[in-house]
Amino acid sequence: MRTGKCLRETKETDISAELCLDGGEVEISTGIGFFDHMLNAFATHGGFGLKLRVKGDLNVDGHHTVEDTGIVLGKALSEALADKGGIARYGSFMLPMDESLAWAAVDVSGRPFLVFNAKFTEEKIGDYNTCLTSEFFRALCFNAGITLHLKVEYGCNAHHMTEALFKAAAHALRQAVAPREGLLSTKGTL
């Protein structure tokens, strides 16, 4: 089983994550209902096992909680991928969510980068600030060592737009981490 764990405690957050790329239980608690919903969708659509416990300074706002969750999940993903050998490396997926359409493309390259193109129609979804979506994915990318391109082509409901991004990213990542012989690199290394 390809697994990764990460514990991170700061003055702002206390987070533990266990990630299994080959499936398993999904138990998520961040204190932000909509964010829990997105992470559950991410794990489910990625076919990942994910146990995630987050305590953050929500009395300030959700920024530290969401960004630090991306950091911890990215580190767990990096550990689960080890040397990145034996995976398909690339994945892409286009996902409709009612009136919204989003796509994701990922390269598990060891070179972290995020291209994020989404203009949300609402600033908040419940207690979740939509601007934190890019913060989460940026932290995930830079700590996992992946390149990720995300785009909402169109949509008018921020809930649908955000959920389409999380699900598209999950499907693309599931493709990229699928087992494959050898290391997919003309250089022989990532």
N, C-alpha and C. Protein backbone atom coordinates (compact mmCIF):
# COMPACT_ATOMS: atom_id res chain seq x y z
N MET A 1 0.84 -1.19 0.00
CA MET A 1 0.00 0.00 0.00
C MET A 1 0.88 1.25 0.00
N ARG A 2 0.51 2.19 -0.83
CA ARG A 2 1.25 3.45 -0.93
C ARG A 2 0.62 4.44 0.04
N THR A 3 1.31 4.68 1.15
CA THR A 3 0.75 5.52 2.20
C THR A 3 1.72 6.61 2.61
N GLY A 4 1.16 7.67 3.16
CA GLY A 4 1.94 8.76 3.70
C GLY A 4 1.24 9.33 4.91
N LYS A 5 2.03 9.76 5.88
CA LYS A 5 1.49 10.37 7.09
C LYS A 5 2.21 11.68 7.33
N CYS A 6 1.52 12.60 7.97
CA CYS A 6 2.15 13.86 8.35
C CYS A 6 1.43 14.43 9.57
N LEU A 7 2.22 14.89 10.51
CA LEU A 7 1.73 15.62 11.68
C LEU A 7 2.37 16.99 11.65
N ARG A 8 1.58 18.02 11.93
CA ARG A 8 2.12 19.38 11.95
C ARG A 8 1.38 20.18 13.01
N GLU A 9 2.16 20.74 13.92
CA GLU A 9 1.57 21.56 14.99
C GLU A 9 2.26 22.91 15.02
N THR A 10 1.46 23.97 14.90
CA THR A 10 1.96 25.33 15.01
C THR A 10 1.09 26.07 16.03
N LYS A 11 1.36 27.33 16.22
CA LYS A 11 0.52 28.14 17.10
C LYS A 11 -0.86 28.39 16.50
N GLU A 12 -1.00 28.13 15.18
CA GLU A 12 -2.25 28.39 14.49
C GLU A 12 -3.07 27.14 14.20
N THR A 13 -2.38 26.01 13.99
CA THR A 13 -3.08 24.77 13.65
C THR A 13 -2.40 23.55 14.26
N ASP A 14 -3.19 22.49 14.41
CA ASP A 14 -2.71 21.17 14.85
C ASP A 14 -3.37 20.16 13.91
N ILE A 15 -2.55 19.53 13.04
CA ILE A 15 -3.10 18.71 11.97
C ILE A 15 -2.41 17.35 11.91
N SER A 16 -3.22 16.31 11.71
CA SER A 16 -2.68 14.99 11.43
C SER A 16 -3.38 14.44 10.19
N ALA A 17 -2.59 13.81 9.32
CA ALA A 17 -3.13 13.25 8.08
C ALA A 17 -2.53 11.89 7.82
N GLU A 18 -3.37 10.98 7.36
CA GLU A 18 -2.95 9.68 6.86
C GLU A 18 -3.61 9.52 5.49
N LEU A 19 -2.79 9.30 4.47
CA LEU A 19 -3.27 9.19 3.10
C LEU A 19 -2.84 7.85 2.53
N CYS A 20 -3.78 7.15 1.90
CA CYS A 20 -3.47 5.92 1.18
C CYS A 20 -3.95 6.08 -0.25
N LEU A 21 -3.02 6.01 -1.19
CA LEU A 21 -3.36 6.20 -2.60
C LEU A 21 -4.18 5.04 -3.16
N ASP A 22 -4.22 3.92 -2.44
CA ASP A 22 -4.90 2.73 -2.92
C ASP A 22 -6.24 2.50 -2.25
N GLY A 23 -6.78 3.52 -1.60
CA GLY A 23 -8.12 3.43 -1.02
C GLY A 23 -8.10 3.22 0.48
N GLY A 24 -9.27 3.21 1.06
CA GLY A 24 -9.41 3.02 2.49
C GLY A 24 -10.47 3.95 3.05
N GLU A 25 -10.51 4.01 4.36
CA GLU A 25 -11.51 4.83 5.05
C GLU A 25 -11.29 6.31 4.80
N VAL A 26 -12.38 7.05 4.84
CA VAL A 26 -12.33 8.50 4.73
C VAL A 26 -12.97 9.08 5.98
N GLU A 27 -12.16 9.77 6.77
CA GLU A 27 -12.63 10.44 7.99
C GLU A 27 -11.99 11.82 8.03
N ILE A 28 -12.82 12.85 7.90
CA ILE A 28 -12.29 14.21 7.78
C ILE A 28 -13.02 15.14 8.74
N SER A 29 -12.24 15.93 9.47
CA SER A 29 -12.81 16.93 10.35
C SER A 29 -11.86 18.13 10.41
N THR A 30 -12.32 19.25 9.82
CA THR A 30 -11.49 20.47 9.81
C THR A 30 -12.11 21.61 10.60
N GLY A 31 -13.38 21.47 10.97
CA GLY A 31 -14.08 22.57 11.63
C GLY A 31 -14.77 23.51 10.66
N ILE A 32 -14.57 23.30 9.35
CA ILE A 32 -15.23 24.11 8.32
C ILE A 32 -16.05 23.14 7.48
N GLY A 33 -17.35 23.17 7.63
CA GLY A 33 -18.24 22.20 7.00
C GLY A 33 -18.05 22.05 5.50
N PHE A 34 -18.01 23.15 4.78
CA PHE A 34 -17.88 23.06 3.32
C PHE A 34 -16.52 22.49 2.93
N PHE A 35 -15.47 22.84 3.66
CA PHE A 35 -14.13 22.31 3.38
C PHE A 35 -14.10 20.80 3.62
N ASP A 36 -14.76 20.34 4.68
CA ASP A 36 -14.89 18.90 4.92
C ASP A 36 -15.55 18.24 3.71
N HIS A 37 -16.61 18.86 3.21
CA HIS A 37 -17.34 18.34 2.06
C HIS A 37 -16.42 18.23 0.84
N MET A 38 -15.59 19.25 0.60
CA MET A 38 -14.68 19.24 -0.54
C MET A 38 -13.60 18.17 -0.38
N LEU A 39 -13.05 18.03 0.81
CA LEU A 39 -12.01 17.03 1.05
C LEU A 39 -12.57 15.61 0.96
N ASN A 40 -13.82 15.43 1.41
CA ASN A 40 -14.48 14.13 1.25
C ASN A 40 -14.66 13.83 -0.24
N ALA A 41 -15.07 14.81 -1.01
CA ALA A 41 -15.23 14.63 -2.45
C ALA A 41 -13.88 14.31 -3.10
N PHE A 42 -12.83 15.01 -2.68
CA PHE A 42 -11.48 14.78 -3.21
C PHE A 42 -11.03 13.34 -2.95
N ALA A 43 -11.20 12.87 -1.71
CA ALA A 43 -10.79 11.50 -1.36
C ALA A 43 -11.64 10.48 -2.10
N THR A 44 -12.94 10.69 -2.12
CA THR A 44 -13.85 9.73 -2.77
C THR A 44 -13.58 9.63 -4.27
N HIS A 45 -13.49 10.78 -4.95
CA HIS A 45 -13.29 10.77 -6.40
C HIS A 45 -11.87 10.38 -6.79
N GLY A 46 -10.92 10.55 -5.88
CA GLY A 46 -9.56 10.10 -6.14
C GLY A 46 -9.35 8.63 -5.82
N GLY A 47 -10.32 8.04 -5.11
CA GLY A 47 -10.17 6.65 -4.68
C GLY A 47 -9.13 6.51 -3.58
N PHE A 48 -8.96 7.57 -2.78
CA PHE A 48 -7.95 7.60 -1.73
C PHE A 48 -8.55 7.31 -0.36
N GLY A 49 -7.77 6.67 0.49
CA GLY A 49 -8.10 6.61 1.90
C GLY A 49 -7.53 7.87 2.53
N LEU A 50 -8.32 8.54 3.36
CA LEU A 50 -7.84 9.78 3.96
C LEU A 50 -8.42 9.95 5.35
N LYS A 51 -7.53 10.01 6.33
CA LYS A 51 -7.92 10.36 7.69
C LYS A 51 -7.26 11.69 8.00
N LEU A 52 -8.08 12.67 8.30
CA LEU A 52 -7.59 14.03 8.47
C LEU A 52 -8.28 14.68 9.66
N ARG A 53 -7.48 15.10 10.63
CA ARG A 53 -7.99 15.80 11.80
C ARG A 53 -7.30 17.16 11.88
N VAL A 54 -8.10 18.21 11.90
CA VAL A 54 -7.56 19.57 11.88
C VAL A 54 -8.19 20.38 13.00
N LYS A 55 -7.35 21.03 13.79
CA LYS A 55 -7.79 22.02 14.76
C LYS A 55 -7.08 23.31 14.39
N GLY A 56 -7.86 24.31 14.04
CA GLY A 56 -7.27 25.57 13.62
C GLY A 56 -7.86 26.75 14.36
N ASP A 57 -7.23 27.88 14.20
CA ASP A 57 -7.67 29.11 14.85
C ASP A 57 -8.83 29.73 14.08
N LEU A 58 -9.94 29.02 14.06
CA LEU A 58 -11.11 29.49 13.31
C LEU A 58 -11.72 30.75 13.91
N ASN A 59 -11.32 31.09 15.14
CA ASN A 59 -11.76 32.35 15.72
C ASN A 59 -11.16 33.54 14.96
N VAL A 60 -10.04 33.30 14.24
CA VAL A 60 -9.44 34.34 13.39
C VAL A 60 -10.16 34.33 12.05
N ASP A 61 -10.04 33.24 11.33
CA ASP A 61 -10.76 32.94 10.09
C ASP A 61 -10.30 31.57 9.62
N GLY A 62 -10.66 31.17 8.42
CA GLY A 62 -10.32 29.84 7.94
C GLY A 62 -9.01 29.72 7.20
N HIS A 63 -8.30 30.82 7.01
CA HIS A 63 -7.11 30.80 6.18
C HIS A 63 -6.06 29.81 6.66
N HIS A 64 -5.64 29.90 7.92
CA HIS A 64 -4.59 29.01 8.42
C HIS A 64 -5.02 27.55 8.35
N THR A 65 -6.27 27.29 8.66
CA THR A 65 -6.79 25.93 8.64
C THR A 65 -6.72 25.34 7.23
N VAL A 66 -7.19 26.09 6.24
CA VAL A 66 -7.24 25.59 4.87
C VAL A 66 -5.83 25.47 4.28
N GLU A 67 -5.02 26.51 4.41
CA GLU A 67 -3.67 26.46 3.84
C GLU A 67 -2.82 25.38 4.51
N ASP A 68 -2.87 25.30 5.84
CA ASP A 68 -2.05 24.30 6.54
C ASP A 68 -2.52 22.89 6.24
N THR A 69 -3.80 22.70 5.98
CA THR A 69 -4.30 21.39 5.56
C THR A 69 -3.67 21.02 4.22
N GLY A 70 -3.56 21.97 3.31
CA GLY A 70 -2.89 21.73 2.03
C GLY A 70 -1.43 21.35 2.22
N ILE A 71 -0.75 22.01 3.15
CA ILE A 71 0.65 21.69 3.44
C ILE A 71 0.77 20.25 3.91
N VAL A 72 -0.03 19.88 4.90
CA VAL A 72 0.05 18.54 5.50
C VAL A 72 -0.36 17.46 4.50
N LEU A 73 -1.43 17.70 3.76
CA LEU A 73 -1.85 16.72 2.76
C LEU A 73 -0.80 16.58 1.66
N GLY A 74 -0.18 17.68 1.27
CA GLY A 74 0.90 17.63 0.28
C GLY A 74 2.08 16.82 0.76
N LYS A 75 2.47 16.99 2.01
CA LYS A 75 3.60 16.22 2.57
C LYS A 75 3.27 14.73 2.64
N ALA A 76 2.02 14.41 3.03
CA ALA A 76 1.61 13.01 3.07
C ALA A 76 1.60 12.42 1.66
N LEU A 77 1.16 13.18 0.68
CA LEU A 77 1.16 12.73 -0.71
C LEU A 77 2.59 12.48 -1.20
N SER A 78 3.49 13.39 -0.88
CA SER A 78 4.88 13.23 -1.27
C SER A 78 5.47 11.95 -0.68
N GLU A 79 5.17 11.68 0.58
CA GLU A 79 5.67 10.45 1.22
C GLU A 79 5.07 9.22 0.55
N ALA A 80 3.78 9.26 0.23
CA ALA A 80 3.12 8.12 -0.40
C ALA A 80 3.69 7.84 -1.80
N LEU A 81 4.13 8.88 -2.48
CA LEU A 81 4.68 8.73 -3.83
C LEU A 81 6.14 8.30 -3.82
N ALA A 82 6.81 8.41 -2.69
CA ALA A 82 8.22 8.03 -2.54
C ALA A 82 9.07 8.64 -3.65
N ASP A 83 9.71 7.81 -4.50
CA ASP A 83 10.58 8.33 -5.55
C ASP A 83 9.83 8.63 -6.85
N LYS A 84 8.50 8.51 -6.81
CA LYS A 84 7.62 8.80 -7.94
C LYS A 84 7.77 7.80 -9.09
N GLY A 85 8.46 6.71 -8.85
CA GLY A 85 8.58 5.65 -9.85
C GLY A 85 7.34 4.77 -9.84
N GLY A 86 7.09 4.12 -10.95
CA GLY A 86 5.99 3.17 -11.03
C GLY A 86 4.61 3.78 -11.09
N ILE A 87 4.51 5.04 -11.55
CA ILE A 87 3.20 5.70 -11.69
C ILE A 87 3.06 6.26 -13.10
N ALA A 88 1.83 6.51 -13.49
CA ALA A 88 1.55 7.06 -14.82
C ALA A 88 2.09 8.48 -14.98
N ARG A 89 2.25 9.19 -13.91
CA ARG A 89 2.82 10.54 -13.81
C ARG A 89 1.87 11.64 -14.23
N TYR A 90 1.17 11.50 -15.34
CA TYR A 90 0.28 12.55 -15.85
C TYR A 90 -1.18 12.15 -15.71
N GLY A 91 -2.03 13.15 -15.53
CA GLY A 91 -3.47 12.91 -15.54
C GLY A 91 -4.20 14.20 -15.84
N SER A 92 -5.35 14.06 -16.47
CA SER A 92 -6.20 15.24 -16.72
C SER A 92 -7.65 14.80 -16.71
N PHE A 93 -8.51 15.74 -16.36
CA PHE A 93 -9.92 15.39 -16.24
C PHE A 93 -10.76 16.65 -16.38
N MET A 94 -11.86 16.54 -17.13
CA MET A 94 -12.83 17.62 -17.24
C MET A 94 -14.09 17.15 -16.53
N LEU A 95 -14.65 18.00 -15.66
CA LEU A 95 -15.78 17.58 -14.84
C LEU A 95 -16.90 18.61 -14.85
N PRO A 96 -18.11 18.19 -15.24
CA PRO A 96 -19.27 19.07 -15.14
C PRO A 96 -19.92 18.95 -13.77
N MET A 97 -20.38 20.04 -13.23
CA MET A 97 -21.14 20.05 -11.98
C MET A 97 -22.31 21.00 -12.22
N ASP A 98 -23.43 20.44 -12.64
CA ASP A 98 -24.60 21.22 -13.03
C ASP A 98 -24.21 22.27 -14.08
N GLU A 99 -24.33 23.56 -13.77
CA GLU A 99 -24.05 24.59 -14.77
C GLU A 99 -22.57 24.92 -14.90
N SER A 100 -21.73 24.33 -14.02
CA SER A 100 -20.29 24.64 -14.00
C SER A 100 -19.49 23.55 -14.69
N LEU A 101 -18.38 23.96 -15.26
CA LEU A 101 -17.46 23.02 -15.90
C LEU A 101 -16.04 23.39 -15.49
N ALA A 102 -15.31 22.40 -14.97
CA ALA A 102 -13.93 22.63 -14.54
C ALA A 102 -13.04 21.54 -15.10
N TRP A 103 -11.77 21.86 -15.25
CA TRP A 103 -10.81 20.84 -15.65
C TRP A 103 -9.54 20.96 -14.82
N ALA A 104 -8.84 19.84 -14.77
CA ALA A 104 -7.58 19.77 -14.03
C ALA A 104 -6.58 18.95 -14.86
N ALA A 105 -5.33 19.35 -14.80
CA ALA A 105 -4.24 18.59 -15.42
C ALA A 105 -3.08 18.57 -14.43
N VAL A 106 -2.51 17.39 -14.21
CA VAL A 106 -1.46 17.24 -13.21
C VAL A 106 -0.26 16.50 -13.79
N ASP A 107 0.92 16.90 -13.31
CA ASP A 107 2.18 16.23 -13.61
C ASP A 107 2.86 15.98 -12.27
N VAL A 108 3.01 14.72 -11.91
CA VAL A 108 3.71 14.36 -10.67
C VAL A 108 5.19 14.31 -11.01
N SER A 109 5.80 15.48 -11.02
CA SER A 109 7.12 15.69 -11.60
C SER A 109 8.22 15.97 -10.58
N GLY A 110 7.85 16.31 -9.37
CA GLY A 110 8.85 16.81 -8.42
C GLY A 110 9.08 18.31 -8.57
N ARG A 111 8.43 18.92 -9.55
CA ARG A 111 8.55 20.36 -9.78
C ARG A 111 7.21 21.01 -9.41
N PRO A 112 7.16 21.66 -8.27
CA PRO A 112 5.88 22.23 -7.81
C PRO A 112 5.49 23.49 -8.56
N PHE A 113 4.22 23.51 -8.99
CA PHE A 113 3.70 24.71 -9.65
C PHE A 113 2.18 24.62 -9.64
N LEU A 114 1.52 25.75 -9.54
CA LEU A 114 0.07 25.81 -9.63
C LEU A 114 -0.32 26.92 -10.60
N VAL A 115 -1.18 26.59 -11.56
CA VAL A 115 -1.85 27.57 -12.38
C VAL A 115 -3.32 27.45 -12.01
N PHE A 116 -3.90 28.53 -11.52
CA PHE A 116 -5.26 28.52 -11.00
C PHE A 116 -6.05 29.60 -11.70
N ASN A 117 -7.12 29.21 -12.39
CA ASN A 117 -7.92 30.17 -13.15
C ASN A 117 -9.39 29.94 -12.83
N ALA A 118 -9.87 30.66 -11.84
CA ALA A 118 -11.29 30.56 -11.45
C ALA A 118 -11.72 31.89 -10.85
N LYS A 119 -12.85 32.38 -11.30
CA LYS A 119 -13.43 33.60 -10.74
C LYS A 119 -14.77 33.21 -10.13
N PHE A 120 -14.79 33.20 -8.81
CA PHE A 120 -15.98 32.74 -8.11
C PHE A 120 -17.04 33.84 -8.05
N THR A 121 -18.27 33.43 -8.14
CA THR A 121 -19.40 34.35 -8.16
C THR A 121 -19.80 34.81 -6.77
N GLU A 122 -19.34 34.11 -5.74
CA GLU A 122 -19.65 34.47 -4.36
C GLU A 122 -18.37 34.41 -3.54
N GLU A 123 -18.27 35.25 -2.53
CA GLU A 123 -17.07 35.27 -1.69
C GLU A 123 -17.06 34.17 -0.65
N LYS A 124 -18.25 33.72 -0.24
CA LYS A 124 -18.33 32.70 0.80
C LYS A 124 -19.32 31.61 0.43
N ILE A 125 -18.99 30.40 0.90
CA ILE A 125 -19.90 29.26 0.83
C ILE A 125 -19.98 28.76 2.27
N GLY A 126 -21.05 29.06 2.95
CA GLY A 126 -21.11 28.77 4.38
C GLY A 126 -20.02 29.55 5.10
N ASP A 127 -19.19 28.85 5.87
CA ASP A 127 -18.08 29.48 6.59
C ASP A 127 -16.77 29.43 5.80
N TYR A 128 -16.84 29.04 4.55
CA TYR A 128 -15.65 28.86 3.71
C TYR A 128 -15.50 30.05 2.76
N ASN A 129 -14.34 30.67 2.78
CA ASN A 129 -14.04 31.76 1.84
C ASN A 129 -13.53 31.16 0.53
N THR A 130 -14.19 31.48 -0.57
CA THR A 130 -13.83 30.87 -1.84
C THR A 130 -12.39 31.18 -2.27
N CYS A 131 -11.85 32.32 -1.84
CA CYS A 131 -10.47 32.66 -2.20
C CYS A 131 -9.47 31.67 -1.61
N LEU A 132 -9.89 30.88 -0.62
CA LEU A 132 -8.99 29.91 0.01
C LEU A 132 -8.78 28.67 -0.85
N THR A 133 -9.59 28.51 -1.89
CA THR A 133 -9.44 27.34 -2.77
C THR A 133 -8.06 27.34 -3.41
N SER A 134 -7.63 28.48 -3.94
CA SER A 134 -6.29 28.55 -4.54
C SER A 134 -5.21 28.38 -3.49
N GLU A 135 -5.43 28.88 -2.27
CA GLU A 135 -4.43 28.72 -1.20
C GLU A 135 -4.24 27.24 -0.86
N PHE A 136 -5.34 26.50 -0.78
CA PHE A 136 -5.25 25.07 -0.50
C PHE A 136 -4.45 24.35 -1.58
N PHE A 137 -4.82 24.57 -2.84
CA PHE A 137 -4.15 23.86 -3.92
C PHE A 137 -2.69 24.28 -4.07
N ARG A 138 -2.37 25.53 -3.83
CA ARG A 138 -0.98 25.98 -3.90
C ARG A 138 -0.15 25.26 -2.83
N ALA A 139 -0.66 25.21 -1.61
CA ALA A 139 0.06 24.53 -0.53
C ALA A 139 0.21 23.04 -0.83
N LEU A 140 -0.83 22.43 -1.37
CA LEU A 140 -0.77 21.01 -1.75
C LEU A 140 0.33 20.78 -2.79
N CYS A 141 0.33 21.58 -3.85
CA CYS A 141 1.30 21.41 -4.93
C CYS A 141 2.73 21.57 -4.45
N PHE A 142 2.99 22.63 -3.70
CA PHE A 142 4.36 22.93 -3.32
C PHE A 142 4.90 21.96 -2.28
N ASN A 143 4.04 21.32 -1.54
CA ASN A 143 4.50 20.34 -0.55
C ASN A 143 4.50 18.91 -1.08
N ALA A 144 3.73 18.65 -2.14
CA ALA A 144 3.73 17.33 -2.77
C ALA A 144 4.75 17.24 -3.90
N GLY A 145 5.15 18.40 -4.43
CA GLY A 145 6.06 18.40 -5.58
C GLY A 145 5.35 18.03 -6.87
N ILE A 146 4.15 18.61 -7.07
CA ILE A 146 3.40 18.34 -8.29
C ILE A 146 3.09 19.66 -9.01
N THR A 147 2.91 19.55 -10.31
CA THR A 147 2.43 20.67 -11.12
C THR A 147 0.95 20.44 -11.36
N LEU A 148 0.13 21.45 -11.10
CA LEU A 148 -1.31 21.32 -11.24
C LEU A 148 -1.87 22.56 -11.94
N HIS A 149 -2.65 22.32 -12.97
CA HIS A 149 -3.38 23.39 -13.65
C HIS A 149 -4.86 23.16 -13.39
N LEU A 150 -5.54 24.19 -12.89
CA LEU A 150 -6.97 24.12 -12.59
C LEU A 150 -7.67 25.29 -13.26
N LYS A 151 -8.84 25.00 -13.84
CA LYS A 151 -9.59 26.07 -14.48
C LYS A 151 -11.08 25.79 -14.41
N VAL A 152 -11.84 26.83 -14.06
CA VAL A 152 -13.28 26.78 -14.20
C VAL A 152 -13.59 27.44 -15.53
N GLU A 153 -14.12 26.66 -16.47
CA GLU A 153 -14.45 27.20 -17.79
C GLU A 153 -15.62 28.17 -17.69
N TYR A 154 -16.65 27.76 -16.93
CA TYR A 154 -17.81 28.62 -16.71
C TYR A 154 -18.61 28.08 -15.55
N GLY A 155 -19.49 28.91 -15.04
CA GLY A 155 -20.36 28.53 -13.94
C GLY A 155 -20.91 29.77 -13.29
N CYS A 156 -22.00 29.62 -12.52
CA CYS A 156 -22.56 30.78 -11.83
C CYS A 156 -22.87 30.49 -10.36
N ASN A 157 -22.57 29.29 -9.89
CA ASN A 157 -22.80 28.93 -8.50
C ASN A 157 -21.45 28.55 -7.90
N ALA A 158 -20.98 29.32 -6.92
CA ALA A 158 -19.65 29.09 -6.36
C ALA A 158 -19.49 27.71 -5.75
N HIS A 159 -20.56 27.19 -5.16
CA HIS A 159 -20.50 25.83 -4.60
C HIS A 159 -20.18 24.83 -5.72
N HIS A 160 -20.90 24.90 -6.81
CA HIS A 160 -20.69 23.98 -7.93
C HIS A 160 -19.32 24.17 -8.55
N MET A 161 -18.89 25.41 -8.69
CA MET A 161 -17.59 25.70 -9.30
C MET A 161 -16.45 25.11 -8.46
N THR A 162 -16.52 25.33 -7.15
CA THR A 162 -15.48 24.84 -6.25
C THR A 162 -15.47 23.32 -6.21
N GLU A 163 -16.65 22.74 -6.10
CA GLU A 163 -16.74 21.28 -6.04
C GLU A 163 -16.23 20.65 -7.34
N ALA A 164 -16.52 21.26 -8.47
CA ALA A 164 -16.02 20.75 -9.74
C ALA A 164 -14.49 20.77 -9.77
N LEU A 165 -13.87 21.80 -9.21
CA LEU A 165 -12.41 21.87 -9.16
C LEU A 165 -11.82 20.75 -8.30
N PHE A 166 -12.37 20.56 -7.10
CA PHE A 166 -11.86 19.52 -6.21
C PHE A 166 -12.01 18.13 -6.83
N LYS A 167 -13.16 17.88 -7.45
CA LYS A 167 -13.40 16.56 -8.05
C LYS A 167 -12.53 16.35 -9.29
N ALA A 168 -12.40 17.36 -10.12
CA ALA A 168 -11.55 17.24 -11.31
C ALA A 168 -10.10 16.99 -10.90
N ALA A 169 -9.62 17.71 -9.89
CA ALA A 169 -8.26 17.50 -9.40
C ALA A 169 -8.07 16.08 -8.88
N ALA A 170 -9.06 15.56 -8.18
CA ALA A 170 -8.99 14.20 -7.65
C ALA A 170 -8.90 13.17 -8.76
N HIS A 171 -9.75 13.31 -9.79
CA HIS A 171 -9.73 12.36 -10.91
C HIS A 171 -8.40 12.43 -11.66
N ALA A 172 -7.89 13.64 -11.88
CA ALA A 172 -6.61 13.79 -12.58
C ALA A 172 -5.48 13.17 -11.77
N LEU A 173 -5.48 13.40 -10.46
CA LEU A 173 -4.44 12.84 -9.61
C LEU A 173 -4.55 11.31 -9.56
N ARG A 174 -5.77 10.80 -9.53
CA ARG A 174 -5.95 9.34 -9.53
C ARG A 174 -5.32 8.73 -10.79
N GLN A 175 -5.51 9.39 -11.94
CA GLN A 175 -4.88 8.91 -13.18
C GLN A 175 -3.36 8.96 -13.07
N ALA A 176 -2.85 10.06 -12.53
CA ALA A 176 -1.40 10.27 -12.47
C ALA A 176 -0.70 9.29 -11.54
N VAL A 177 -1.35 8.86 -10.48
CA VAL A 177 -0.70 7.95 -9.52
C VAL A 177 -1.02 6.48 -9.81
N ALA A 178 -1.75 6.22 -10.90
CA ALA A 178 -2.05 4.84 -11.27
C ALA A 178 -0.75 4.08 -11.52
N PRO A 179 -0.68 2.83 -11.09
CA PRO A 179 0.54 2.03 -11.28
C PRO A 179 0.93 1.87 -12.75
N ARG A 180 2.22 1.90 -12.99
CA ARG A 180 2.80 1.77 -14.32
C ARG A 180 4.23 1.28 -14.14
N GLU A 181 4.73 0.56 -15.10
CA GLU A 181 6.11 0.07 -15.04
C GLU A 181 7.12 1.21 -15.19
N GLY A 182 8.13 1.20 -14.36
CA GLY A 182 9.26 2.10 -14.53
C GLY A 182 8.98 3.55 -14.16
N LEU A 183 9.95 4.38 -14.54
CA LEU A 183 9.89 5.82 -14.28
C LEU A 183 9.65 6.55 -15.60
N LEU A 184 8.57 7.29 -15.69
CA LEU A 184 8.21 7.97 -16.93
C LEU A 184 8.98 9.28 -17.05
N SER A 185 10.22 9.17 -17.54
CA SER A 185 11.07 10.34 -17.71
C SER A 185 12.17 10.02 -18.73
N THR A 186 12.35 10.88 -19.71
CA THR A 186 13.43 10.68 -20.67
C THR A 186 14.80 10.91 -20.04
N LYS A 187 14.82 11.64 -18.91
CA LYS A 187 16.06 11.90 -18.18
C LYS A 187 16.47 10.72 -17.31
N GLY A 188 15.48 9.88 -16.99
CA GLY A 188 15.76 8.76 -16.10
C GLY A 188 15.60 9.11 -14.63
N THR A 189 15.18 10.34 -14.36
CA THR A 189 14.98 10.79 -12.98
C THR A 189 13.97 11.92 -12.97
N LEU A 190 13.33 12.10 -11.83
CA LEU A 190 12.42 13.22 -11.67
C LEU A 190 12.99 14.16 -10.62
